Protein backbone atom coordinates (compact mmCIF):
# COMPACT_ATOMS: atom_id res chain seq x y z
CA MET A 1 31.92 163.03 133.70
CA ASN A 2 29.88 165.61 136.19
CA ARG A 3 28.40 169.40 134.87
CA PHE A 4 31.58 171.03 136.44
CA ASP A 5 34.10 168.88 134.82
CA ARG A 6 32.21 169.06 131.46
CA ASP A 7 32.26 172.55 131.54
CA THR A 8 35.70 173.23 132.44
CA ALA A 9 37.21 170.51 129.80
CA VAL A 10 40.14 171.58 127.66
CA ARG A 11 41.06 169.41 124.67
CA PRO A 12 44.87 169.84 123.58
CA LEU A 13 45.56 170.97 119.91
CA GLY A 14 49.19 170.95 119.91
CA ASP A 15 51.79 173.76 120.42
CA GLY A 16 50.17 174.57 123.90
CA ARG A 17 47.03 175.25 122.60
CA PHE A 18 43.45 174.31 123.91
CA GLN A 19 40.13 174.75 122.81
CA ALA A 20 37.20 174.72 125.12
CA THR A 21 33.61 175.70 125.25
CA ILE A 22 32.14 178.73 128.01
CA ASP A 23 29.01 177.53 129.19
CA ARG A 24 25.75 179.96 130.06
CA GLY A 25 25.45 177.96 133.26
CA TRP A 26 28.05 179.74 134.89
CA TRP A 27 26.60 183.25 134.39
CA ILE A 28 26.27 185.90 136.65
CA THR A 29 24.72 189.39 135.18
CA HIS A 30 26.35 189.48 132.00
CA GLY A 31 29.16 186.76 131.49
CA PRO A 32 30.51 184.12 132.96
CA ASN A 33 31.91 183.94 136.42
CA GLY A 34 35.69 185.19 137.39
CA GLY A 35 35.99 181.98 139.30
CA TYR A 36 34.92 179.54 136.54
CA LEU A 37 37.46 181.14 133.97
CA ALA A 38 39.79 181.05 136.42
CA ALA A 39 38.99 176.91 136.62
CA LEU A 40 39.08 176.92 132.79
CA LEU A 41 42.45 177.73 132.73
CA ILE A 42 44.30 175.99 135.67
CA LYS A 43 42.77 173.09 133.57
CA ALA A 44 44.69 174.17 130.53
CA LEU A 45 47.81 175.05 132.99
CA GLU A 46 48.03 171.94 134.43
CA THR A 47 47.55 169.97 131.17
CA ARG A 48 50.12 171.88 129.67
CA LEU A 49 52.39 171.41 132.67
CA GLY A 50 51.90 167.40 132.76
CA ASP A 51 53.50 167.21 135.86
CA PRO A 52 51.22 165.91 138.55
CA GLU A 53 54.25 166.62 141.51
CA ARG A 54 53.99 170.19 140.73
CA CYS A 55 50.74 171.94 142.10
CA ALA A 56 49.57 175.47 141.68
CA ARG A 57 50.91 177.76 144.27
CA SER A 58 49.36 181.01 142.69
CA LEU A 59 47.61 182.41 139.62
CA SER A 60 46.93 186.08 138.70
CA LEU A 61 44.32 186.79 136.29
CA HIS A 62 43.20 190.04 134.23
CA TYR A 63 39.99 190.22 132.95
CA LEU A 64 39.71 191.85 129.87
CA SER A 65 36.25 191.57 128.86
CA PRO A 66 33.50 189.28 129.25
CA PRO A 67 33.40 185.66 127.41
CA THR A 68 30.57 184.97 124.98
CA GLU A 69 29.25 181.66 125.27
CA GLY A 70 30.64 179.06 122.99
CA PRO A 71 34.06 178.21 121.73
CA CYS A 72 37.47 179.38 122.99
CA GLU A 73 40.81 178.83 122.47
CA ILE A 74 43.74 179.24 125.63
CA THR A 75 47.24 179.17 124.90
CA VAL A 76 49.35 178.46 127.47
CA ALA A 77 53.11 178.97 127.52
CA ILE A 78 55.96 177.84 129.98
CA GLU A 79 57.54 180.98 130.62
CA ARG A 80 60.62 179.14 133.08
CA SER A 81 61.05 175.59 134.41
CA GLY A 82 63.89 174.73 137.24
CA ARG A 83 64.12 171.47 139.66
CA SER A 84 60.94 172.86 141.54
CA LEU A 85 59.54 175.57 140.29
CA THR A 86 57.67 176.26 136.77
CA SER A 87 56.14 179.58 136.00
CA LEU A 88 53.41 179.49 133.17
CA SER A 89 51.53 182.30 130.81
CA ALA A 90 48.13 181.69 129.28
CA ARG A 91 45.86 183.51 127.45
CA LEU A 92 42.04 182.53 126.82
CA LEU A 93 41.25 184.21 123.11
CA GLN A 94 37.60 184.15 121.46
CA GLY A 95 38.22 185.07 117.59
CA GLU A 96 40.86 187.94 117.78
CA LYS A 97 40.09 189.06 121.23
CA THR A 98 41.76 188.39 124.27
CA ARG A 99 39.29 188.02 127.06
CA VAL A 100 41.96 187.22 129.82
CA LEU A 101 45.32 187.18 130.67
CA ALA A 102 47.04 184.84 133.40
CA LEU A 103 50.21 184.08 135.19
CA ALA A 104 50.84 180.75 137.45
CA ALA A 105 53.03 179.43 139.32
CA PHE A 106 53.57 175.36 139.90
CA ALA A 107 55.64 173.92 142.13
CA THR A 108 56.58 170.65 144.01
CA ALA A 109 57.05 171.30 148.31
CA ARG A 110 60.05 172.59 150.03
CA PRO A 111 62.07 171.09 152.69
CA GLY A 112 60.21 173.39 155.68
CA THR A 113 62.33 175.74 157.40
CA GLY A 114 60.95 175.18 161.15
CA TRP A 115 58.98 178.26 160.93
CA LYS A 116 55.07 177.89 161.51
CA VAL A 117 53.35 181.12 160.83
CA ALA A 118 49.56 181.01 160.44
CA ARG A 119 48.00 184.69 160.98
CA CYS A 120 44.46 183.60 159.26
CA GLU A 121 42.07 182.05 161.69
CA VAL A 122 39.05 180.33 160.55
CA PRO A 123 35.74 182.01 161.15
CA SER A 124 33.31 180.65 164.04
CA VAL A 125 30.57 179.54 162.29
CA PRO A 126 27.35 177.53 162.67
CA PRO A 127 28.29 173.91 160.34
CA PRO A 128 26.57 173.72 157.17
CA ASN A 129 23.68 171.43 158.17
CA ALA A 130 22.63 174.10 160.66
CA ILE A 131 21.78 176.45 157.95
CA PRO A 132 19.02 176.65 155.63
CA GLU A 133 19.62 176.84 151.78
CA GLU A 134 17.51 179.96 150.18
CA ARG A 135 17.17 178.71 146.66
CA PRO A 136 17.81 181.63 143.77
CA GLU A 137 14.84 182.88 142.10
CA VAL A 138 15.45 183.89 138.66
CA THR A 139 17.77 186.98 139.03
CA HIS A 140 21.61 187.31 137.60
CA LEU A 141 22.83 184.80 139.74
CA ALA A 142 20.18 182.03 139.64
CA ALA A 143 22.24 180.00 136.86
CA PHE A 144 25.66 179.89 138.80
CA ARG A 145 23.97 179.03 142.34
CA GLU A 146 22.40 176.20 140.32
CA ARG A 147 25.79 174.72 139.91
CA VAL A 148 27.47 175.65 143.28
CA GLU A 149 25.26 175.04 146.70
CA THR A 150 25.90 177.80 148.84
CA LEU A 151 25.07 178.35 152.26
CA PHE A 152 25.27 182.10 153.71
CA VAL A 153 26.14 182.12 157.42
CA PRO A 154 23.73 184.16 159.34
CA GLY A 155 24.70 187.85 160.07
CA PHE A 156 27.08 187.40 157.29
CA GLU A 157 24.55 187.19 154.24
CA PRO A 158 25.72 189.18 150.94
CA PHE A 159 22.75 191.81 151.64
CA GLY A 160 20.96 193.75 153.71
CA ARG A 161 21.93 196.89 156.19
CA ARG A 162 25.17 196.27 158.30
CA GLU A 163 28.37 197.60 159.41
CA ASP A 164 30.62 195.20 158.32
CA PRO A 165 31.79 194.27 154.23
CA ASP A 166 32.39 190.86 155.74
CA VAL A 167 30.16 187.36 153.94
CA ARG A 168 30.84 183.99 154.72
CA ALA A 169 28.87 180.85 153.31
CA TRP A 170 29.51 177.25 152.86
CA MET A 171 29.31 175.87 149.49
CA ARG A 172 30.37 173.03 147.45
CA LEU A 173 29.10 171.97 143.68
CA ARG A 174 26.24 170.41 143.55
CA GLU A 175 27.23 167.15 141.90
CA PRO A 176 29.83 165.54 144.32
CA ARG A 177 33.41 165.82 142.74
CA ALA A 178 36.74 165.33 144.12
CA LEU A 179 38.37 168.55 145.58
CA ASP A 180 41.28 170.24 143.09
CA ALA A 181 42.78 173.06 142.58
CA ALA A 182 40.15 174.09 139.65
CA ALA A 183 37.31 173.65 142.13
CA VAL A 184 39.22 175.88 144.71
CA ALA A 185 39.75 178.61 142.21
CA LEU A 186 35.94 178.42 141.33
CA TYR A 187 35.16 178.77 145.21
CA ALA A 188 37.71 181.93 145.54
CA ASP A 189 35.54 184.03 143.11
CA ALA A 190 32.08 182.37 144.03
CA LEU A 191 30.47 185.05 146.45
CA PRO A 192 29.12 188.36 145.83
CA PRO A 193 31.24 191.63 146.47
CA ALA A 194 31.04 192.03 150.74
CA VAL A 195 30.39 195.67 150.17
CA PHE A 196 27.27 195.17 148.62
CA ALA A 197 25.99 194.33 152.40
CA LEU A 198 26.14 198.29 153.11
CA ARG A 199 23.97 199.56 150.45
CA GLU A 200 20.29 200.38 151.55
CA GLY A 201 17.79 200.47 149.14
CA GLU A 202 18.98 199.80 145.10
CA ARG A 203 22.14 198.00 145.26
CA PRO A 204 24.89 198.22 142.46
CA ALA A 205 24.24 196.54 139.29
CA GLY A 206 27.56 194.30 139.87
CA ALA A 207 31.14 194.47 140.32
CA PRO A 208 33.22 192.70 137.32
CA THR A 209 36.66 191.59 138.38
CA ILE A 210 39.51 193.17 136.61
CA GLU A 211 41.95 191.19 138.94
CA LEU A 212 42.25 188.64 140.57
CA THR A 213 44.95 186.64 142.35
CA ILE A 214 44.54 183.06 144.22
CA HIS A 215 47.46 182.13 146.53
CA PHE A 216 47.12 178.01 146.88
CA TYR A 217 48.22 176.39 150.00
CA GLY A 218 48.94 173.02 149.67
CA ASP A 219 47.71 170.33 147.20
CA PRO A 220 43.54 170.44 147.73
CA ALA A 221 43.59 166.82 147.29
CA THR A 222 45.57 165.88 150.53
CA ALA A 223 42.87 167.97 152.39
CA GLY A 224 40.77 165.37 153.19
CA VAL A 225 37.88 166.86 152.25
CA ALA A 226 34.97 164.28 151.10
CA ASP A 227 34.02 164.51 147.45
CA ASP A 228 30.58 165.52 149.14
CA ASP A 229 31.86 168.02 151.58
CA TYR A 230 32.10 171.71 151.92
CA CYS A 231 34.12 174.57 151.95
CA LEU A 232 33.84 177.56 154.06
CA ALA A 233 33.82 181.09 152.31
CA ARG A 234 34.75 184.34 153.45
CA VAL A 235 35.56 187.65 151.67
CA VAL A 236 36.10 191.12 153.05
CA THR A 237 36.15 194.18 151.18
CA HIS A 238 38.70 196.42 152.57
CA THR A 239 38.94 199.33 150.15
CA THR A 240 36.64 201.51 148.06
CA ARG A 241 37.46 204.43 146.44
CA ASP A 242 36.78 206.13 142.52
CA GLY A 243 34.43 203.21 141.48
CA PHE A 244 36.44 200.20 142.49
CA LEU A 245 37.01 198.04 145.30
CA SER A 246 39.24 195.72 146.66
CA GLU A 247 38.50 192.61 148.34
CA ASP A 248 40.50 190.18 149.71
CA GLY A 249 38.91 186.04 150.61
CA TRP A 250 39.59 182.70 152.18
CA ILE A 251 38.42 179.28 151.59
CA PHE A 252 38.88 176.45 154.01
CA SER A 253 38.20 172.88 154.58
CA ARG A 254 35.49 171.73 157.28
CA ASP A 255 38.18 171.13 159.86
CA GLY A 256 39.88 174.63 159.48
CA ARG A 257 42.74 174.30 157.21
CA LEU A 258 43.48 177.44 154.55
CA LEU A 259 43.28 175.89 151.22
CA CYS A 260 43.76 179.33 149.55
CA GLN A 261 44.00 183.27 150.09
CA SER A 262 42.92 185.55 146.89
CA ARG A 263 42.61 189.33 146.58
CA GLN A 264 40.82 191.21 143.93
CA LEU A 265 40.09 194.39 142.29
CA ALA A 266 36.38 194.90 140.67
CA ALA A 267 34.95 198.03 139.11
CA ILE A 268 31.52 198.94 140.99
CA VAL A 269 29.02 199.51 138.46
CA GLU A 270 25.68 201.23 139.39
CA PRO A 271 22.23 200.73 138.40
CA THR A 272 21.26 202.83 134.98
CA PRO A 273 18.80 205.41 135.95
CA SER A 274 15.30 204.65 134.95
CA SER A 275 13.55 207.08 132.89
């Protein structure tokens, strides 16, 4: 079993309850990456549903407080199940504290209407083999970047003065595995906030996610992505106000297939003034 599957494994306890372990290998700043937690919840939701014909279509998460390293419990309830759509809820708990709340929709494919609408075009970027990787030093990103290989597109890096808050990168898990909804959920929250690129001098201390919604477009397993291939991620900050930011994100396969679209609300944490 590779590292990602081991660290997102869930063990059924019965009655929609699952045991899991939060691993420090997916840490960013003061807690685990939000995409890693989303992947963990996807695993529990899929196991509770038990229907591979119904794939993830929507996942909305509210991050109440950062989980600590170690064991946790996930509870999943089927709120309603119809002929083609199942709606579920989930909670990630540690002790008496609810750390993450989630709502999800899983559904089979539906008959086409004949409409073909695709307003989101894949960005024009160099291929992965044309971009050298800059390995992280011992920073708040180091643990996570050791798990996820990230090749930032030149001119669209997350840090450095630019006028446009737009970050683009190729990414893949360092240990090859088949692409699935859990990996796509991880990628959906794997890039630093694009707005950080606008900051001159000292950067914000962080931008913890408050709410993240991911819309999945079909079953990733049918996208034709090889186990060791990259996906292209793009995030764009479109609004900052009152100490919060709102950001849109997209994940594409290498051949330009849109795998998911996301939007998140995050709090901007400024550095503590030095004494």
